[in-house]
Amino acid sequence: MDTIRNNSWVSLCILLFGVLICNKLHHAIAADKISLGDSLTGDERIVSSGDNFELGFFKPGNTSQNYYIGIWYSYNKVSVQTVVWVANRDTPILHPSSSVLTFLDGNLVLLNNLSKTPIWSTNLALKTLNTPQVVLGDDGNLVLRDGSNPNVMYWQSFDYPTDTWLPGAKLGFNIKTNQNQKLISWRSPEVPAQGSYSLELGGPSKTSQYAIYWNNSKEIWSSKDWDEKSKTFPSIREMRLDHNVNGSFFTYSVYNNSTTRFVIDFTGRIQQLRWSGSTNNWNLVWVQPQNICDVYATCGPFGSCKQDIQKCECMQGFAPRSPADESLQDSIGGCVRSTPLQCGNKDGFSPIQTPDLGKLPDKSHLIPEIDSAKECRSACKANCHCNAYSFINRCLFWYGDIINFNNITSSPDALAVFYLKLAASEIHSPQAKRKPKMSLKVLLIIVVPTVITVLSIITILYFCIIRRKKIDGNLFYTSFID
């Protein structure tokens, strides 16, 4: 009897374990589509037919508390979480179980479970669509179609990219829909919200180059023109330019089985990356601009890019806007004053070295009526809106945020022409009095010869002492014999 009872318990445990395993497999290995009446919530997801991509809820990085609906490489293909598309990038949710991805009036919609209000939607006038479904392709494209006529596509994620450009997708301008298909960077590594940088058609005609823009306005880098003879862009041979009645688009293809993507990253650089299965890493194939300090406003407001180490830091008297962003990875946040200005004689200025006038921050204002450095300084000090000044044959003021400042290491060729207004307490703070760190190169030049000299002297003295002892020993031995 006990044996039968024990066997029953074992069978029950095996059954429960099987149910749990099946349930887990249901979440991990699902169909490649969502149809009318289906939904996604929690840890549920769909997987492309060839197991290349997955769609579901994800949390970026290790410290973020927000969740998003997105597409990423399947972990069987790329072992590192690599998100290629985000639906609700500007409207995150706090928990995947609090929302559901489903169909409403023919559209794919992310709904709040409690209020039933839309968080994100494909936002198309498709109320007459009877059997809507979305399918995740092995190319990473999410397509909305009618199940009864799957050859007709009504919407696709490739037309609404985030920061990643996959092979087969197009970037450009659609004349018919007046839609600019472009990449927009993440705000930081753990915040998919729209950042400051975009990759799109650029150049004078906006038809023959691709370019990086800051805040949709300032062009900070562009490729060379399309070479009509070779049918290539000089910088990247895989890219192609297509002109037709719908507009101008550039695409790229991969001619082998490599896993490749282009990304406009949060620092404002366009990168081509290729996955290495042997090292389980994304290898950098190509990047522009190469120097991070050449990226416009990469350090954010009141941030300074150190040319010698290609690293962002806050200007004197400023601290990161977000305590969690000490490395200034959020170019929108940047830095804020540690101590507010008093607006008057209690404020002072800190000189900052720059190589020439061309390296001064943008958005300066010429004060033509001032013709001396002393008067320029006094006028800025008296103006509560003036945050900095410079005078070399003319007086320049800076109002508001100071951006795109590139600092340099101490150099005899540098000119201390930029003066940052600070509270008096910041000017006399230990930080202000702190001497600049000696560069590694200078340190090596001083230390290495010194060490070699000292070791040489010690070696010579050692051998002199040894020889002296031998001579003294021989004299003693000779004296003893005598």
Protein backbone atom coordinates (compact mmCIF):
# COMPACT_ATOMS: atom_id res chain seq x y z
CA MET A 1 0.00 0.00 0.00
CA ASP A 2 2.82 2.39 0.93
CA THR A 3 4.60 1.50 -2.30
CA ILE A 4 1.50 2.38 -4.36
CA ARG A 5 1.11 5.66 -2.44
CA ASN A 6 4.77 6.55 -2.98
CA ASN A 7 4.51 5.73 -6.69
CA SER A 8 1.44 7.98 -6.92
CA TRP A 9 3.33 10.87 -5.37
CA VAL A 10 6.23 10.30 -7.76
CA SER A 11 3.85 10.24 -10.74
CA LEU A 12 2.16 13.43 -9.54
CA CYS A 13 5.51 15.20 -9.15
CA ILE A 14 6.59 14.09 -12.63
CA LEU A 15 3.26 15.32 -14.04
CA LEU A 16 3.60 18.72 -12.33
CA PHE A 17 7.22 19.02 -13.49
CA GLY A 18 6.13 18.22 -17.04
CA VAL A 19 3.42 20.88 -16.89
CA LEU A 20 5.93 23.46 -15.66
CA ILE A 21 8.42 22.52 -18.38
CA CYS A 22 5.75 22.69 -21.08
CA ASN A 23 4.59 26.04 -19.74
CA LYS A 24 8.18 27.32 -19.83
CA LEU A 25 8.64 26.02 -23.35
CA HIS A 26 5.42 27.76 -24.36
CA HIS A 27 6.94 31.09 -23.34
CA ALA A 28 10.30 30.41 -24.95
CA ILE A 29 9.26 28.64 -28.16
CA ALA A 30 6.13 30.25 -29.53
CA ALA A 31 4.72 30.77 -33.02
CA ASP A 32 6.05 33.50 -35.30
CA LYS A 33 2.78 35.45 -35.41
CA ILE A 34 0.04 37.10 -33.36
CA SER A 35 -3.45 36.74 -34.79
CA LEU A 36 -6.82 38.24 -33.93
CA GLY A 37 -7.81 36.93 -30.49
CA ASP A 38 -4.18 36.32 -29.45
CA SER A 39 -2.14 38.49 -27.11
CA LEU A 40 1.26 38.78 -25.47
CA THR A 41 1.87 39.64 -21.83
CA GLY A 42 4.40 38.86 -19.11
CA ASP A 43 7.26 36.70 -20.38
CA GLU A 44 5.40 35.46 -23.47
CA ARG A 45 7.02 36.07 -26.84
CA ILE A 46 6.95 35.06 -30.48
CA VAL A 47 9.95 33.69 -32.39
CA SER A 48 10.70 33.98 -36.11
CA SER A 49 10.37 30.73 -38.07
CA GLY A 50 14.13 30.27 -38.40
CA ASP A 51 14.81 31.21 -34.76
CA ASN A 52 16.70 34.38 -35.74
CA PHE A 53 14.65 36.97 -33.84
CA GLU A 54 12.21 37.21 -30.94
CA LEU A 55 9.53 39.74 -30.01
CA GLY A 56 8.31 40.33 -26.48
CA PHE A 57 8.76 42.41 -23.34
CA PHE A 58 12.32 43.22 -22.31
CA LYS A 59 14.20 45.29 -19.75
CA PRO A 60 17.37 47.02 -21.07
CA GLY A 61 20.59 46.60 -19.10
CA ASN A 62 20.95 45.67 -15.44
CA THR A 63 19.72 48.74 -13.55
CA SER A 64 16.70 49.89 -15.58
CA GLN A 65 13.29 49.39 -13.94
CA ASN A 66 11.35 49.96 -17.18
CA TYR A 67 10.03 47.44 -19.68
CA TYR A 68 9.45 47.75 -23.41
CA ILE A 69 8.03 45.78 -26.33
CA GLY A 70 10.88 45.07 -28.70
CA ILE A 71 12.61 42.77 -31.15
CA TRP A 72 15.99 41.22 -30.37
CA TYR A 73 18.27 38.54 -31.78
CA SER A 74 17.35 35.04 -30.61
CA TYR A 75 19.68 33.90 -27.84
CA ASN A 76 20.45 30.81 -29.95
CA LYS A 77 21.92 33.16 -32.57
CA VAL A 78 23.40 35.96 -30.44
CA SER A 79 24.12 35.12 -26.80
CA VAL A 80 24.21 38.77 -25.68
CA GLN A 81 20.93 40.70 -25.40
CA THR A 82 20.90 42.81 -28.57
CA VAL A 83 17.70 44.78 -29.16
CA VAL A 84 17.14 45.93 -32.75
CA TRP A 85 13.71 47.59 -32.53
CA VAL A 86 11.57 49.12 -29.76
CA ALA A 87 7.84 49.87 -30.10
CA ASN A 88 7.14 52.02 -27.03
CA ARG A 89 10.59 53.60 -26.76
CA ASP A 90 9.26 56.88 -25.32
CA THR A 91 6.48 55.33 -23.17
CA PRO A 92 7.92 52.54 -21.00
CA ILE A 93 5.89 50.37 -18.63
CA LEU A 94 6.80 49.34 -15.08
CA HIS A 95 6.00 45.62 -15.41
CA PRO A 96 5.28 43.33 -18.39
CA SER A 97 2.22 41.86 -16.65
CA SER A 98 0.63 45.31 -16.39
CA SER A 99 0.16 45.54 -20.17
CA VAL A 100 -0.91 43.37 -23.08
CA LEU A 101 0.01 43.42 -26.77
CA THR A 102 -3.11 42.64 -28.80
CA PHE A 103 -5.35 43.82 -31.65
CA LEU A 104 -7.81 46.70 -31.45
CA ASP A 105 -9.75 47.98 -34.49
CA GLY A 106 -7.32 46.26 -36.84
CA ASN A 107 -4.20 47.74 -35.22
CA LEU A 108 -1.53 46.11 -33.11
CA VAL A 109 -1.83 47.90 -29.77
CA LEU A 110 -0.03 47.83 -26.43
CA LEU A 111 -2.79 48.29 -23.85
CA ASN A 112 -2.69 49.09 -20.16
CA ASN A 113 -4.38 46.13 -18.46
CA LEU A 114 -6.25 48.27 -15.92
CA SER A 115 -7.31 51.39 -17.81
CA LYS A 116 -7.37 49.73 -21.25
CA THR A 117 -5.79 52.87 -22.68
CA PRO A 118 -3.32 52.49 -25.57
CA ILE A 119 0.37 52.93 -24.73
CA TRP A 120 1.53 52.31 -28.29
CA SER A 121 -0.18 51.45 -31.58
CA THR A 122 0.53 50.88 -35.28
CA ASN A 123 -2.03 53.68 -35.62
CA LEU A 124 -3.51 52.85 -39.01
CA ALA A 125 -7.08 53.33 -40.24
CA LEU A 126 -7.77 49.61 -40.59
CA LYS A 127 -11.12 49.12 -38.85
CA THR A 128 -12.31 47.12 -41.87
CA LEU A 129 -9.44 44.61 -41.54
CA ASN A 130 -11.25 41.38 -40.66
CA THR A 131 -8.41 39.00 -39.82
CA PRO A 132 -5.37 41.06 -38.80
CA GLN A 133 -2.12 39.34 -37.86
CA VAL A 134 1.50 40.33 -37.37
CA VAL A 135 4.35 38.06 -38.41
CA LEU A 136 7.96 38.27 -37.25
CA GLY A 137 10.29 37.48 -40.14
CA ASP A 138 13.76 35.97 -40.01
CA ASP A 139 15.08 39.32 -41.24
CA GLY A 140 13.86 41.01 -38.03
CA ASN A 141 10.93 42.76 -39.74
CA LEU A 142 7.53 42.74 -38.00
CA VAL A 143 4.77 42.84 -40.64
CA LEU A 144 1.06 43.64 -40.19
CA ARG A 145 -1.13 41.92 -42.77
CA ASP A 146 -4.58 40.44 -43.34
CA GLY A 147 -4.63 36.73 -42.59
CA SER A 148 -7.03 36.15 -45.48
CA ASN A 149 -4.66 37.88 -47.90
CA PRO A 150 -1.13 37.54 -46.47
CA ASN A 151 0.59 38.97 -49.55
CA VAL A 152 -0.73 42.47 -48.80
CA MET A 153 1.35 44.34 -46.21
CA TYR A 154 -0.27 47.22 -44.29
CA TRP A 155 2.53 48.13 -41.89
CA GLN A 156 6.10 47.01 -41.14
CA SER A 157 8.63 47.81 -38.43
CA PHE A 158 11.32 48.38 -41.10
CA ASP A 159 9.50 51.64 -41.95
CA TYR A 160 9.80 52.81 -38.33
CA PRO A 161 13.37 51.91 -37.25
CA THR A 162 14.80 52.91 -33.89
CA ASP A 163 18.60 52.92 -33.61
CA THR A 164 19.42 49.77 -35.62
CA TRP A 165 19.57 49.24 -39.37
CA LEU A 166 19.28 45.60 -40.45
CA PRO A 167 20.17 44.13 -43.87
CA GLY A 168 17.27 44.54 -46.28
CA ALA A 169 15.77 47.57 -44.54
CA LYS A 170 15.67 51.01 -46.19
CA LEU A 171 16.62 54.44 -44.91
CA GLY A 172 15.56 57.52 -46.82
CA PHE A 173 12.63 59.78 -47.61
CA ASN A 174 9.30 58.56 -48.99
CA ILE A 175 7.78 61.27 -51.19
CA LYS A 176 4.32 59.67 -51.30
CA THR A 177 3.92 59.32 -47.55
CA ASN A 178 6.14 62.31 -46.66
CA GLN A 179 7.90 60.00 -44.22
CA ASN A 180 11.55 60.31 -43.25
CA GLN A 181 12.86 56.82 -42.48
CA LYS A 182 15.88 57.38 -40.25
CA LEU A 183 17.76 55.93 -37.30
CA ILE A 184 17.48 57.76 -33.98
CA SER A 185 19.91 56.93 -31.18
CA TRP A 186 18.97 55.69 -27.73
CA ARG A 187 19.30 58.29 -25.00
CA SER A 188 21.72 56.08 -23.05
CA PRO A 189 22.66 52.36 -22.96
CA GLU A 190 19.65 51.60 -20.74
CA VAL A 191 17.16 54.19 -22.03
CA PRO A 192 15.71 53.47 -25.51
CA ALA A 193 13.94 56.87 -25.58
CA GLN A 194 14.88 59.06 -28.53
CA GLY A 195 18.35 60.54 -28.10
CA SER A 196 20.00 63.53 -29.74
CA TYR A 197 21.43 61.89 -32.86
CA SER A 198 19.97 60.58 -36.11
CA LEU A 199 21.27 58.98 -39.31
CA GLU A 200 19.37 59.97 -42.45
CA LEU A 201 19.70 61.30 -45.98
CA GLY A 202 21.93 64.36 -45.95
CA GLY A 203 24.10 66.62 -48.02
CA PRO A 204 23.03 69.72 -49.99
CA SER A 205 20.36 67.88 -52.00
CA LYS A 206 19.36 65.35 -49.30
CA THR A 207 19.47 62.66 -51.99
CA SER A 208 23.05 61.45 -52.51
CA GLN A 209 24.63 61.24 -49.04
CA TYR A 210 23.81 59.89 -45.62
CA ALA A 211 24.57 62.06 -42.61
CA ILE A 212 24.45 62.25 -38.82
CA TYR A 213 22.37 65.07 -37.37
CA TRP A 214 22.16 66.51 -33.88
CA ASN A 215 18.66 67.46 -32.68
CA ASN A 216 17.29 67.10 -36.22
CA SER A 217 19.03 70.31 -37.24
CA LYS A 218 22.84 70.40 -37.18
CA GLU A 219 24.71 68.11 -39.55
CA ILE A 220 27.78 66.81 -37.71
CA TRP A 221 29.09 64.22 -40.18
CA SER A 222 28.30 63.09 -43.71
CA SER A 223 29.47 60.43 -46.14
CA LYS A 224 30.93 61.25 -49.50
CA ASP A 225 28.54 61.48 -52.44
CA TRP A 226 27.22 58.39 -54.12
CA ASP A 227 29.63 57.29 -56.86
CA GLU A 228 27.41 56.76 -59.88
CA LYS A 229 30.19 55.09 -61.85
CA SER A 230 31.01 52.36 -59.31
CA LYS A 231 27.47 52.35 -57.88
CA THR A 232 28.85 52.50 -54.34
CA PHE A 233 29.46 54.81 -51.43
CA PRO A 234 33.25 55.26 -51.07
CA SER A 235 33.12 54.66 -47.31
CA ILE A 236 30.97 51.50 -47.21
CA ARG A 237 30.87 49.23 -50.23
CA GLU A 238 27.86 47.24 -49.02
CA MET A 239 25.57 50.28 -49.24
CA ARG A 240 23.43 51.07 -52.24
CA LEU A 241 21.41 54.15 -53.24
CA ASP A 242 18.05 53.79 -54.97
CA HIS A 243 16.16 56.63 -56.65
CA ASN A 244 12.59 55.99 -57.79
CA VAL A 245 9.18 57.66 -57.97
CA ASN A 246 8.65 57.04 -54.26
CA GLY A 247 11.82 58.85 -53.20
CA SER A 248 15.47 58.18 -52.41
CA PHE A 249 16.60 55.30 -50.21
CA PHE A 250 19.86 53.65 -49.30
CA THR A 251 20.10 49.98 -48.38
CA TYR A 252 22.77 47.40 -47.72
CA SER A 253 23.13 43.66 -48.15
CA VAL A 254 25.27 40.93 -46.64
CA TYR A 255 26.79 38.52 -49.13
CA ASN A 256 27.68 35.83 -46.63
CA ASN A 257 26.04 34.34 -43.57
CA SER A 258 27.52 36.87 -41.15
CA THR A 259 25.26 38.57 -38.61
CA THR A 260 25.74 42.29 -39.22
CA ARG A 261 24.00 45.48 -38.14
CA PHE A 262 24.48 49.24 -38.28
CA VAL A 263 23.75 51.26 -35.14
CA ILE A 264 23.62 54.98 -34.42
CA ASP A 265 24.72 54.73 -30.80
CA PHE A 266 24.02 57.08 -27.91
CA THR A 267 27.40 58.79 -28.37
CA GLY A 268 26.38 60.00 -31.84
CA ARG A 269 28.51 57.66 -33.93
CA ILE A 270 27.39 55.29 -36.67
CA GLN A 271 28.90 51.83 -36.20
CA GLN A 272 28.95 48.68 -38.29
CA LEU A 273 29.14 45.61 -36.06
CA ARG A 274 29.58 41.92 -36.87
CA TRP A 275 28.83 39.07 -34.47
CA SER A 276 31.62 36.61 -33.66
CA GLY A 277 30.37 33.23 -32.50
CA SER A 278 33.85 32.18 -31.42
CA THR A 279 34.31 35.09 -28.99
CA ASN A 280 30.60 35.76 -28.30
CA ASN A 281 31.11 39.45 -28.99
CA TRP A 282 30.12 42.15 -31.46
CA ASN A 283 33.24 43.17 -33.38
CA LEU A 284 33.55 46.73 -34.63
CA VAL A 285 33.98 46.79 -38.42
CA TRP A 286 33.61 50.51 -39.12
CA VAL A 287 32.79 53.69 -37.19
CA GLN A 288 32.35 57.41 -37.95
CA PRO A 289 33.32 59.83 -36.54
CA GLN A 290 36.28 57.89 -35.17
CA ASN A 291 37.10 60.33 -32.35
CA ILE A 292 34.23 60.67 -29.89
CA CYS A 293 35.26 64.27 -29.19
CA ASP A 294 34.49 65.07 -32.84
CA VAL A 295 30.82 64.27 -32.22
CA TYR A 296 28.81 67.42 -31.69
CA ALA A 297 27.56 67.90 -28.09
CA THR A 298 28.46 64.33 -27.16
CA CYS A 299 29.00 65.27 -23.49
CA GLY A 300 25.75 67.21 -23.13
CA PRO A 301 25.23 70.64 -21.53
CA PHE A 302 28.25 71.88 -19.52
CA GLY A 303 30.13 68.68 -20.34
CA SER A 304 33.68 68.74 -21.66
CA CYS A 305 35.30 66.16 -23.93
CA LYS A 306 38.94 65.49 -23.05
CA GLN A 307 40.76 65.15 -26.36
CA ASP A 308 43.73 63.21 -25.00
CA ILE A 309 41.64 60.41 -23.47
CA GLN A 310 38.42 60.79 -25.52
CA LYS A 311 36.28 60.91 -22.41
CA CYS A 312 33.51 63.16 -21.12
CA GLU A 313 33.64 64.97 -17.80
CA CYS A 314 31.75 67.84 -16.21
CA MET A 315 33.24 71.31 -16.37
CA GLN A 316 34.58 72.79 -13.13
CA GLY A 317 31.75 73.67 -10.74
CA PHE A 318 29.32 71.23 -12.38
CA ALA A 319 28.15 67.69 -11.62
CA PRO A 320 26.23 65.06 -13.65
CA ARG A 321 22.52 65.86 -13.86
CA SER A 322 21.82 62.25 -12.94
CA PRO A 323 23.92 60.72 -10.12
CA ALA A 324 23.71 57.40 -11.97
CA ASP A 325 25.28 58.96 -15.06
CA GLU A 326 28.79 59.73 -13.78
CA SER A 327 30.34 58.86 -17.15
CA LEU A 328 27.94 61.27 -18.94
CA GLN A 329 26.48 58.56 -21.17
CA ASP A 330 23.23 60.53 -21.44
CA SER A 331 24.11 63.31 -23.87
CA ILE A 332 20.78 65.04 -23.21
CA GLY A 333 21.29 65.18 -19.44
CA GLY A 334 24.84 66.48 -19.27
CA CYS A 335 25.82 68.47 -16.17
CA VAL A 336 24.27 71.03 -13.82
CA ARG A 337 25.79 73.63 -11.49
CA SER A 338 26.94 72.39 -8.11
CA THR A 339 26.40 75.88 -6.64
CA PRO A 340 23.94 78.44 -8.10
CA LEU A 341 25.28 81.78 -9.28
CA GLN A 342 24.66 84.84 -7.08
CA CYS A 343 24.48 87.21 -10.06
CA GLY A 344 26.84 89.95 -9.01
CA ASN A 345 30.26 90.61 -7.53
CA LYS A 346 30.19 87.32 -5.61
CA ASP A 347 30.58 85.38 -8.86
CA GLY A 348 33.91 84.89 -10.60
CA PHE A 349 35.48 83.20 -13.60
CA SER A 350 37.60 80.13 -14.18
CA PRO A 351 39.93 80.19 -17.22
CA ILE A 352 39.85 77.11 -19.45
CA GLN A 353 42.52 76.34 -22.03
CA THR A 354 41.53 75.92 -25.66
CA PRO A 355 43.81 75.43 -28.68
CA ASP A 356 42.24 78.21 -30.78
CA LEU A 357 39.07 80.20 -31.37
CA GLY A 358 37.75 77.44 -33.61
CA LYS A 359 37.49 75.15 -30.58
CA LEU A 360 35.31 77.48 -28.52
CA PRO A 361 31.75 76.29 -27.79
CA ASP A 362 28.98 77.05 -30.26
CA LYS A 363 26.21 79.61 -29.91
CA SER A 364 28.37 82.53 -28.84
CA HIS A 365 27.03 86.09 -29.04
CA LEU A 366 29.17 88.98 -30.26
CA ILE A 367 29.06 92.12 -28.10
CA PRO A 368 30.26 94.72 -30.63
CA GLU A 369 30.26 97.75 -28.33
CA ILE A 370 32.95 96.24 -26.06
CA ASP A 371 36.58 96.50 -27.18
CA SER A 372 38.67 95.46 -24.16
CA ALA A 373 39.14 92.25 -22.17
CA LYS A 374 38.57 94.03 -18.85
CA GLU A 375 35.29 95.55 -20.01
CA CYS A 376 34.18 92.22 -21.49
CA ARG A 377 34.77 90.49 -18.15
CA SER A 378 32.91 93.17 -16.17
CA ALA A 379 29.96 93.15 -18.56
CA CYS A 380 29.57 89.36 -18.36
CA LYS A 381 29.84 89.47 -14.58
CA ALA A 382 27.07 92.07 -14.40
CA ASN A 383 24.83 90.17 -16.82
CA CYS A 384 22.91 87.48 -14.93
CA HIS A 385 22.31 85.50 -18.14
CA CYS A 386 25.96 85.41 -19.21
CA ASN A 387 27.53 82.04 -18.34
CA ALA A 388 30.93 82.56 -19.97
CA TYR A 389 32.95 85.00 -22.03
CA SER A 390 35.98 85.14 -24.27
CA PHE A 391 38.01 88.03 -25.60
CA ILE A 392 40.51 87.91 -28.46
CA ASN A 393 40.11 91.14 -30.42
CA ARG A 394 36.37 90.92 -29.78
CA CYS A 395 34.00 90.20 -26.90
CA LEU A 396 31.92 87.01 -26.98
CA PHE A 397 29.22 85.98 -24.49
CA TRP A 398 27.60 82.59 -23.94
CA TYR A 399 24.04 82.40 -22.65
CA GLY A 400 22.18 79.28 -21.51
CA ASP A 401 23.70 75.81 -21.83
CA ILE A 402 27.28 75.51 -23.00
CA ILE A 403 27.65 72.58 -25.37
CA ASN A 404 30.25 71.03 -27.65
CA PHE A 405 33.25 72.08 -25.58
CA ASN A 406 36.50 70.20 -26.23
CA ASN A 407 39.11 70.58 -23.53
CA ILE A 408 42.80 69.79 -23.94
CA THR A 409 45.70 68.89 -21.70
CA SER A 410 48.14 71.57 -20.61
CA SER A 411 50.15 72.78 -23.57
CA PRO A 412 52.44 75.77 -24.17
CA ASP A 413 50.54 76.35 -27.43
CA ALA A 414 47.15 76.55 -25.70
CA LEU A 415 45.37 79.86 -25.17
CA ALA A 416 43.32 80.40 -22.01
CA VAL A 417 40.67 82.36 -23.89
CA PHE A 418 37.48 80.88 -22.45
CA TYR A 419 36.27 82.05 -19.04
CA LEU A 420 33.49 80.10 -17.31
CA LYS A 421 31.38 81.96 -14.75
CA LEU A 422 31.20 80.20 -11.38
CA ALA A 423 30.04 80.90 -7.86
CA ALA A 424 32.89 82.22 -5.69
CA SER A 425 32.81 79.09 -3.53
CA GLU A 426 33.50 76.94 -6.60
CA ILE A 427 36.44 79.06 -7.72
CA HIS A 428 38.15 78.72 -4.33
CA SER A 429 37.14 75.08 -3.81
CA PRO A 430 39.74 72.29 -3.51
CA GLN A 431 38.68 71.16 -6.97
CA ALA A 432 39.62 74.53 -8.44
CA LYS A 433 42.97 74.58 -6.63
CA ARG A 434 43.78 71.04 -7.61
CA LYS A 435 46.78 70.91 -9.91
CA PRO A 436 46.29 69.19 -13.24
CA LYS A 437 47.40 65.59 -13.31
CA MET A 438 50.69 64.91 -15.01
CA SER A 439 50.20 62.98 -18.24
CA LEU A 440 51.48 59.40 -18.45
CA LYS A 441 53.90 60.30 -21.22
CA VAL A 442 55.51 63.08 -19.20
CA LEU A 443 55.56 60.85 -16.13
CA LEU A 444 57.40 58.11 -18.02
CA ILE A 445 59.89 60.59 -19.48
CA ILE A 446 60.77 61.75 -15.96
CA VAL A 447 60.53 58.50 -14.00
CA VAL A 448 62.19 55.98 -16.35
CA PRO A 449 65.54 57.81 -16.77
CA THR A 450 65.59 58.56 -13.04
CA VAL A 451 65.06 54.89 -12.14
CA ILE A 452 67.72 53.76 -14.63
CA THR A 453 70.20 56.32 -13.26
CA VAL A 454 69.57 55.28 -9.64
CA LEU A 455 69.89 51.58 -10.49
CA SER A 456 73.13 52.25 -12.38
CA ILE A 457 74.62 54.13 -9.42
CA ILE A 458 73.58 51.35 -7.02
CA THR A 459 75.10 48.71 -9.32
CA ILE A 460 78.40 50.61 -9.64
CA LEU A 461 78.59 51.15 -5.87
CA TYR A 462 77.84 47.49 -5.27
CA PHE A 463 80.68 46.29 -7.50
CA CYS A 464 83.05 48.90 -6.02
CA ILE A 465 82.29 47.66 -2.51
CA ILE A 466 82.72 44.01 -3.54
CA ARG A 467 86.02 44.77 -5.23
CA ARG A 468 87.18 46.75 -2.20
CA LYS A 469 86.41 43.86 0.09
CA LYS A 470 88.36 41.50 -2.16
CA ILE A 471 91.38 43.83 -2.15
CA ASP A 472 91.20 44.21 1.62
CA GLY A 473 90.91 40.45 1.98
CA ASN A 474 93.98 39.84 -0.16
CA LEU A 475 96.00 42.40 1.80
CA PHE A 476 94.98 40.75 5.04
CA TYR A 477 95.95 37.33 3.70
CA THR A 478 99.34 38.61 2.49
CA SER A 479 100.03 40.27 5.83
CA PHE A 480 99.16 37.07 7.63
CA ILE A 481 101.60 35.04 5.49
CA ASP A 482 104.36 37.51 6.06
